[in-house]
Amino acid sequence: MKGYVIDESHSLSALTFADDLIVLATTNDTGQRLLRHIESYLNNLGGVRIAAVKCTSFEIRPTKDS
């Protein structure tokens, strides 16, 4: 599943370190689909859950000066 599209043949959907996970996406819809996919995968591992109170999100938007 594609996350953030870098170019025609490369995309990046997640970065991980220890028990941290960063989900990357080009659109909100793609981000939501990736998150649902991750939640399903974790649930199939035996009920591992995402701690929503420890989660955050942000959006980077280009501006006229960027």
PDB file of N, CA and C in Angstrom:
ATOM      1  N   MET A   1       0.854  -1.171   0.000  1.00  0.00           N
ATOM      2  CA  MET A   1       0.000   0.000   0.000  1.00  0.00           C
ATOM      3  C   MET A   1       0.903   1.238   0.000  1.00  0.00           C
ATOM      4  N   LYS A   2       0.682   2.130  -0.945  1.00  0.00           N
ATOM      5  CA  LYS A   2       1.502   3.333  -1.043  1.00  0.00           C
ATOM      6  C   LYS A   2       1.134   4.323   0.049  1.00  0.00           C
ATOM      7  N   GLY A   3       2.128   4.973   0.576  1.00  0.00           N
ATOM      8  CA  GLY A   3       1.915   6.031   1.558  1.00  0.00           C
ATOM      9  C   GLY A   3       2.252   7.364   0.918  1.00  0.00           C
ATOM     10  N   TYR A   4       3.378   7.951   1.317  1.00  0.00           N
ATOM     11  CA  TYR A   4       3.835   9.203   0.732  1.00  0.00           C
ATOM     12  C   TYR A   4       4.600   8.878  -0.534  1.00  0.00           C
ATOM     13  N   VAL A   5       4.162   9.415  -1.662  1.00  0.00           N
ATOM     14  CA  VAL A   5       4.782   9.124  -2.952  1.00  0.00           C
ATOM     15  C   VAL A   5       5.977  10.049  -3.157  1.00  0.00           C
ATOM     16  N   ILE A   6       7.151   9.434  -3.315  1.00  0.00           N
ATOM     17  CA  ILE A   6       8.381  10.201  -3.525  1.00  0.00           C
ATOM     18  C   ILE A   6       8.567  10.485  -5.009  1.00  0.00           C
ATOM     19  N   ASP A   7       8.442   9.449  -5.830  1.00  0.00           N
ATOM     20  CA  ASP A   7       8.474   9.596  -7.280  1.00  0.00           C
ATOM     21  C   ASP A   7       7.720   8.427  -7.890  1.00  0.00           C
ATOM     22  N   GLU A   8       7.839   8.231  -9.204  1.00  0.00           N
ATOM     23  CA  GLU A   8       7.053   7.205  -9.896  1.00  0.00           C
ATOM     24  C   GLU A   8       7.248   5.797  -9.343  1.00  0.00           C
ATOM     25  N   SER A   9       8.428   5.492  -8.848  1.00  0.00           N
ATOM     26  CA  SER A   9       8.694   4.126  -8.431  1.00  0.00           C
ATOM     27  C   SER A   9       9.006   3.971  -6.938  1.00  0.00           C
ATOM     28  N   HIS A  10       8.872   5.039  -6.158  1.00  0.00           N
ATOM     29  CA  HIS A  10       9.190   4.959  -4.736  1.00  0.00           C
ATOM     30  C   HIS A  10       8.113   5.626  -3.886  1.00  0.00           C
ATOM     31  N   SER A  11       7.769   4.966  -2.792  1.00  0.00           N
ATOM     32  CA  SER A  11       6.871   5.562  -1.811  1.00  0.00           C
ATOM     33  C   SER A  11       7.286   5.077  -0.425  1.00  0.00           C
ATOM     34  N   LEU A  12       6.864   5.803   0.581  1.00  0.00           N
ATOM     35  CA  LEU A  12       7.212   5.483   1.960  1.00  0.00           C
ATOM     36  C   LEU A  12       5.943   5.580   2.782  1.00  0.00           C
ATOM     37  N   SER A  13       5.592   4.505   3.482  1.00  0.00           N
ATOM     38  CA  SER A  13       4.335   4.509   4.223  1.00  0.00           C
ATOM     39  C   SER A  13       4.523   4.531   5.733  1.00  0.00           C
ATOM     40  N   ALA A  14       5.715   4.163   6.227  1.00  0.00           N
ATOM     41  CA  ALA A  14       5.899   4.145   7.678  1.00  0.00           C
ATOM     42  C   ALA A  14       7.370   4.192   8.046  1.00  0.00           C
ATOM     43  N   LEU A  15       7.630   4.768   9.201  1.00  0.00           N
ATOM     44  CA  LEU A  15       8.940   4.752   9.831  1.00  0.00           C
ATOM     45  C   LEU A  15       8.737   4.174  11.218  1.00  0.00           C
ATOM     46  N   THR A  16       9.619   3.284  11.646  1.00  0.00           N
ATOM     47  CA  THR A  16       9.449   2.667  12.954  1.00  0.00           C
ATOM     48  C   THR A  16      10.742   2.715  13.749  1.00  0.00           C
ATOM     49  N   PHE A  17      10.593   2.759  15.062  1.00  0.00           N
ATOM     50  CA  PHE A  17      11.717   2.653  15.983  1.00  0.00           C
ATOM     51  C   PHE A  17      11.178   2.144  17.307  1.00  0.00           C
ATOM     52  N   ALA A  18      11.694   1.008  17.752  1.00  0.00           N
ATOM     53  CA  ALA A  18      11.244   0.374  19.003  1.00  0.00           C
ATOM     54  C   ALA A  18       9.727   0.211  18.965  1.00  0.00           C
ATOM     55  N   ASP A  19       8.993   0.880  19.854  1.00  0.00           N
ATOM     56  CA  ASP A  19       7.533   0.742  19.861  1.00  0.00           C
ATOM     57  C   ASP A  19       6.838   1.973  19.290  1.00  0.00           C
ATOM     58  N   ASP A  20       7.570   2.777  18.524  1.00  0.00           N
ATOM     59  CA  ASP A  20       7.000   3.974  17.887  1.00  0.00           C
ATOM     60  C   ASP A  20       6.788   3.731  16.406  1.00  0.00           C
ATOM     61  N   LEU A  21       5.753   4.347  15.864  1.00  0.00           N
ATOM     62  CA  LEU A  21       5.419   4.202  14.455  1.00  0.00           C
ATOM     63  C   LEU A  21       4.975   5.545  13.906  1.00  0.00           C
ATOM     64  N   ILE A  22       5.537   5.932  12.779  1.00  0.00           N
ATOM     65  CA  ILE A  22       5.117   7.139  12.066  1.00  0.00           C
ATOM     66  C   ILE A  22       4.518   6.688  10.749  1.00  0.00           C
ATOM     67  N   VAL A  23       3.268   7.077  10.496  1.00  0.00           N
ATOM     68  CA  VAL A  23       2.582   6.738   9.248  1.00  0.00           C
ATOM     69  C   VAL A  23       2.653   7.955   8.342  1.00  0.00           C
ATOM     70  N   LEU A  24       3.087   7.759   7.100  1.00  0.00           N
ATOM     71  CA  LEU A  24       3.228   8.842   6.129  1.00  0.00           C
ATOM     72  C   LEU A  24       2.271   8.625   4.970  1.00  0.00           C
ATOM     73  N   ALA A  25       1.595   9.690   4.570  1.00  0.00           N
ATOM     74  CA  ALA A  25       0.661   9.588   3.446  1.00  0.00           C
ATOM     75  C   ALA A  25       0.575  10.918   2.727  1.00  0.00           C
ATOM     76  N   THR A  26       0.216  10.852   1.464  1.00  0.00           N
ATOM     77  CA  THR A  26       0.059  12.056   0.653  1.00  0.00           C
ATOM     78  C   THR A  26      -1.306  12.705   0.877  1.00  0.00           C
ATOM     79  N   THR A  27      -2.325  11.902   1.187  1.00  0.00           N
ATOM     80  CA  THR A  27      -3.673  12.442   1.421  1.00  0.00           C
ATOM     81  C   THR A  27      -4.229  11.916   2.746  1.00  0.00           C
ATOM     82  N   ASN A  28      -5.220  12.603   3.285  1.00  0.00           N
ATOM     83  CA  ASN A  28      -5.875  12.147   4.514  1.00  0.00           C
ATOM     84  C   ASN A  28      -6.498  10.774   4.324  1.00  0.00           C
ATOM     85  N   ASP A  29      -7.122  10.551   3.160  1.00  0.00           N
ATOM     86  CA  ASP A  29      -7.762   9.265   2.878  1.00  0.00           C
ATOM     87  C   ASP A  29      -6.745   8.123   2.899  1.00  0.00           C
ATOM     88  N   THR A  30      -5.606   8.334   2.267  1.00  0.00           N
ATOM     89  CA  THR A  30      -4.556   7.315   2.272  1.00  0.00           C
ATOM     90  C   THR A  30      -4.057   7.064   3.687  1.00  0.00           C
ATOM     91  N   GLY A  31      -3.886   8.106   4.470  1.00  0.00           N
ATOM     92  CA  GLY A  31      -3.465   7.964   5.860  1.00  0.00           C
ATOM     93  C   GLY A  31      -4.450   7.147   6.671  1.00  0.00           C
ATOM     94  N   GLN A  32      -5.735   7.389   6.478  1.00  0.00           N
ATOM     95  CA  GLN A  32      -6.769   6.627   7.189  1.00  0.00           C
ATOM     96  C   GLN A  32      -6.746   5.160   6.777  1.00  0.00           C
ATOM     97  N   ARG A  33      -6.582   4.892   5.475  1.00  0.00           N
ATOM     98  CA  ARG A  33      -6.524   3.503   5.012  1.00  0.00           C
ATOM     99  C   ARG A  33      -5.306   2.788   5.579  1.00  0.00           C
ATOM    100  N   LEU A  34      -4.150   3.475   5.614  1.00  0.00           N
ATOM    101  CA  LEU A  34      -2.952   2.880   6.194  1.00  0.00           C
ATOM    102  C   LEU A  34      -3.160   2.582   7.675  1.00  0.00           C
ATOM    103  N   LEU A  35      -3.773   3.513   8.394  1.00  0.00           N
ATOM    104  CA  LEU A  35      -4.008   3.318   9.820  1.00  0.00           C
ATOM    105  C   LEU A  35      -4.936   2.131  10.072  1.00  0.00           C
ATOM    106  N   ARG A  36      -6.010   2.006   9.284  1.00  0.00           N
ATOM    107  CA  ARG A  36      -6.908   0.857   9.425  1.00  0.00           C
ATOM    108  C   ARG A  36      -6.175  -0.455   9.123  1.00  0.00           C
ATOM    109  N   HIS A  37      -5.318  -0.432   8.123  1.00  0.00           N
ATOM    110  CA  HIS A  37      -4.535  -1.622   7.774  1.00  0.00           C
ATOM    111  C   HIS A  37      -3.602  -2.000   8.928  1.00  0.00           C
ATOM    112  N   ILE A  38      -2.947  -1.026   9.516  1.00  0.00           N
ATOM    113  CA  ILE A  38      -2.047  -1.269  10.646  1.00  0.00           C
ATOM    114  C   ILE A  38      -2.825  -1.795  11.844  1.00  0.00           C
ATOM    115  N   GLU A  39      -3.974  -1.196  12.132  1.00  0.00           N
ATOM    116  CA  GLU A  39      -4.805  -1.659  13.252  1.00  0.00           C
ATOM    117  C   GLU A  39      -5.232  -3.111  13.057  1.00  0.00           C
ATOM    118  N   SER A  40      -5.612  -3.471  11.849  1.00  0.00           N
ATOM    119  CA  SER A  40      -6.012  -4.850  11.548  1.00  0.00           C
ATOM    120  C   SER A  40      -4.841  -5.804  11.748  1.00  0.00           C
ATOM    121  N   TYR A  41      -3.683  -5.420  11.264  1.00  0.00           N
ATOM    122  CA  TYR A  41      -2.485  -6.250  11.407  1.00  0.00           C
ATOM    123  C   TYR A  41      -2.153  -6.452  12.885  1.00  0.00           C
ATOM    124  N   LEU A  42      -2.158  -5.380  13.664  1.00  0.00           N
ATOM    125  CA  LEU A  42      -1.848  -5.478  15.091  1.00  0.00           C
ATOM    126  C   LEU A  42      -2.866  -6.343  15.823  1.00  0.00           C
ATOM    127  N   ASN A  43      -4.131  -6.214  15.470  1.00  0.00           N
ATOM    128  CA  ASN A  43      -5.174  -7.021  16.089  1.00  0.00           C
ATOM    129  C   ASN A  43      -4.949  -8.510  15.819  1.00  0.00           C
ATOM    130  N   ASN A  44      -4.511  -8.835  14.604  1.00  0.00           N
ATOM    131  CA  ASN A  44      -4.237 -10.227  14.248  1.00  0.00           C
ATOM    132  C   ASN A  44      -3.017 -10.792  14.975  1.00  0.00           C
ATOM    133  N   LEU A  45      -2.176  -9.922  15.522  1.00  0.00           N
ATOM    134  CA  LEU A  45      -1.018 -10.378  16.299  1.00  0.00           C
ATOM    135  C   LEU A  45      -1.424 -10.853  17.690  1.00  0.00           C
ATOM    136  N   GLY A  46      -2.658 -10.636  18.057  1.00  0.00           N
ATOM    137  CA  GLY A  46      -3.112 -11.070  19.370  1.00  0.00           C
ATOM    138  C   GLY A  46      -3.681  -9.944  20.194  1.00  0.00           C
ATOM    139  N   GLY A  47      -4.271  -8.997  19.549  1.00  0.00           N
ATOM    140  CA  GLY A  47      -4.945  -7.937  20.283  1.00  0.00           C
ATOM    141  C   GLY A  47      -4.075  -6.744  20.638  1.00  0.00           C
ATOM    142  N   VAL A  48      -2.935  -6.576  19.975  1.00  0.00           N
ATOM    143  CA  VAL A  48      -2.112  -5.390  20.199  1.00  0.00           C
ATOM    144  C   VAL A  48      -2.918  -4.182  19.749  1.00  0.00           C
ATOM    145  N   ARG A  49      -2.931  -3.129  20.554  1.00  0.00           N
ATOM    146  CA  ARG A  49      -3.736  -1.952  20.225  1.00  0.00           C
ATOM    147  C   ARG A  49      -2.893  -0.688  20.192  1.00  0.00           C
ATOM    148  N   ILE A  50      -3.360   0.261  19.426  1.00  0.00           N
ATOM    149  CA  ILE A  50      -2.732   1.579  19.369  1.00  0.00           C
ATOM    150  C   ILE A  50      -3.259   2.397  20.544  1.00  0.00           C
ATOM    151  N   ALA A  51      -2.362   3.037  21.299  1.00  0.00           N
ATOM    152  CA  ALA A  51      -2.756   3.874  22.428  1.00  0.00           C
ATOM    153  C   ALA A  51      -3.121   5.254  21.896  1.00  0.00           C
ATOM    154  N   ALA A  52      -4.397   5.461  21.628  1.00  0.00           N
ATOM    155  CA  ALA A  52      -4.868   6.699  21.001  1.00  0.00           C
ATOM    156  C   ALA A  52      -4.481   7.948  21.795  1.00  0.00           C
ATOM    157  N   VAL A  53      -4.450   7.861  23.111  1.00  0.00           N
ATOM    158  CA  VAL A  53      -4.105   9.041  23.922  1.00  0.00           C
ATOM    159  C   VAL A  53      -2.653   9.459  23.724  1.00  0.00           C
ATOM    160  N   LYS A  54      -1.824   8.571  23.198  1.00  0.00           N
ATOM    161  CA  LYS A  54      -0.420   8.886  22.955  1.00  0.00           C
ATOM    162  C   LYS A  54      -0.156   9.262  21.495  1.00  0.00           C
ATOM    163  N   CYS A  55      -1.205   9.300  20.684  1.00  0.00           N
ATOM    164  CA  CYS A  55      -1.063   9.575  19.257  1.00  0.00           C
ATOM    165  C   CYS A  55      -1.254  11.058  18.957  1.00  0.00           C
ATOM    166  N   THR A  56      -0.641  11.482  17.866  1.00  0.00           N
ATOM    167  CA  THR A  56      -0.822  12.843  17.376  1.00  0.00           C
ATOM    168  C   THR A  56      -0.696  12.822  15.857  1.00  0.00           C
ATOM    169  N   SER A  57      -1.096  13.896  15.239  1.00  0.00           N
ATOM    170  CA  SER A  57      -0.954  13.989  13.789  1.00  0.00           C
ATOM    171  C   SER A  57      -0.639  15.425  13.400  1.00  0.00           C
ATOM    172  N   PHE A  58      -0.086  15.577  12.220  1.00  0.00           N
ATOM    173  CA  PHE A  58       0.157  16.911  11.683  1.00  0.00           C
ATOM    174  C   PHE A  58       0.155  16.830  10.171  1.00  0.00           C
ATOM    175  N   GLU A  59       0.000  17.974   9.574  1.00  0.00           N
ATOM    176  CA  GLU A  59      -0.069  18.068   8.112  1.00  0.00           C
ATOM    177  C   GLU A  59       0.903  19.139   7.658  1.00  0.00           C
ATOM    178  N   ILE A  60       1.642  18.840   6.614  1.00  0.00           N
ATOM    179  CA  ILE A  60       2.554  19.816   6.011  1.00  0.00           C
ATOM    180  C   ILE A  60       1.940  20.234   4.689  1.00  0.00           C
ATOM    181  N   ARG A  61       1.706  21.526   4.560  1.00  0.00           N
ATOM    182  CA  ARG A  61       1.128  22.063   3.322  1.00  0.00           C
ATOM    183  C   ARG A  61       2.096  23.031   2.683  1.00  0.00           C
ATOM    184  N   PRO A  62       2.239  22.954   1.373  1.00  0.00           N
ATOM    185  CA  PRO A  62       3.086  23.931   0.698  1.00  0.00           C
ATOM    186  C   PRO A  62       2.447  25.329   0.767  1.00  0.00           C
ATOM    187  N   THR A  63       3.276  26.329   0.852  1.00  0.00           N
ATOM    188  CA  THR A  63       2.804  27.703   0.835  1.00  0.00           C
ATOM    189  C   THR A  63       3.360  28.406  -0.402  1.00  0.00           C
ATOM    190  N   LYS A  64       2.947  29.619  -0.614  1.00  0.00           N
ATOM    191  CA  LYS A  64       3.442  30.351  -1.782  1.00  0.00           C
ATOM    192  C   LYS A  64       4.957  30.598  -1.692  1.00  0.00           C
ATOM    193  N   ASP A  65       5.525  30.555  -0.479  1.00  0.00           N
ATOM    194  CA  ASP A  65       6.942  30.801  -0.285  1.00  0.00           C
ATOM    195  C   ASP A  65       7.783  29.525  -0.220  1.00  0.00           C
ATOM    196  N   SER A  66       7.134  28.359  -0.275  1.00  0.00           N
ATOM    197  CA  SER A  66       7.907  27.117  -0.139  1.00  0.00           C
ATOM    198  C   SER A  66       8.223  26.498  -1.485  1.00  0.00           C
TER     199      SER A  66
END
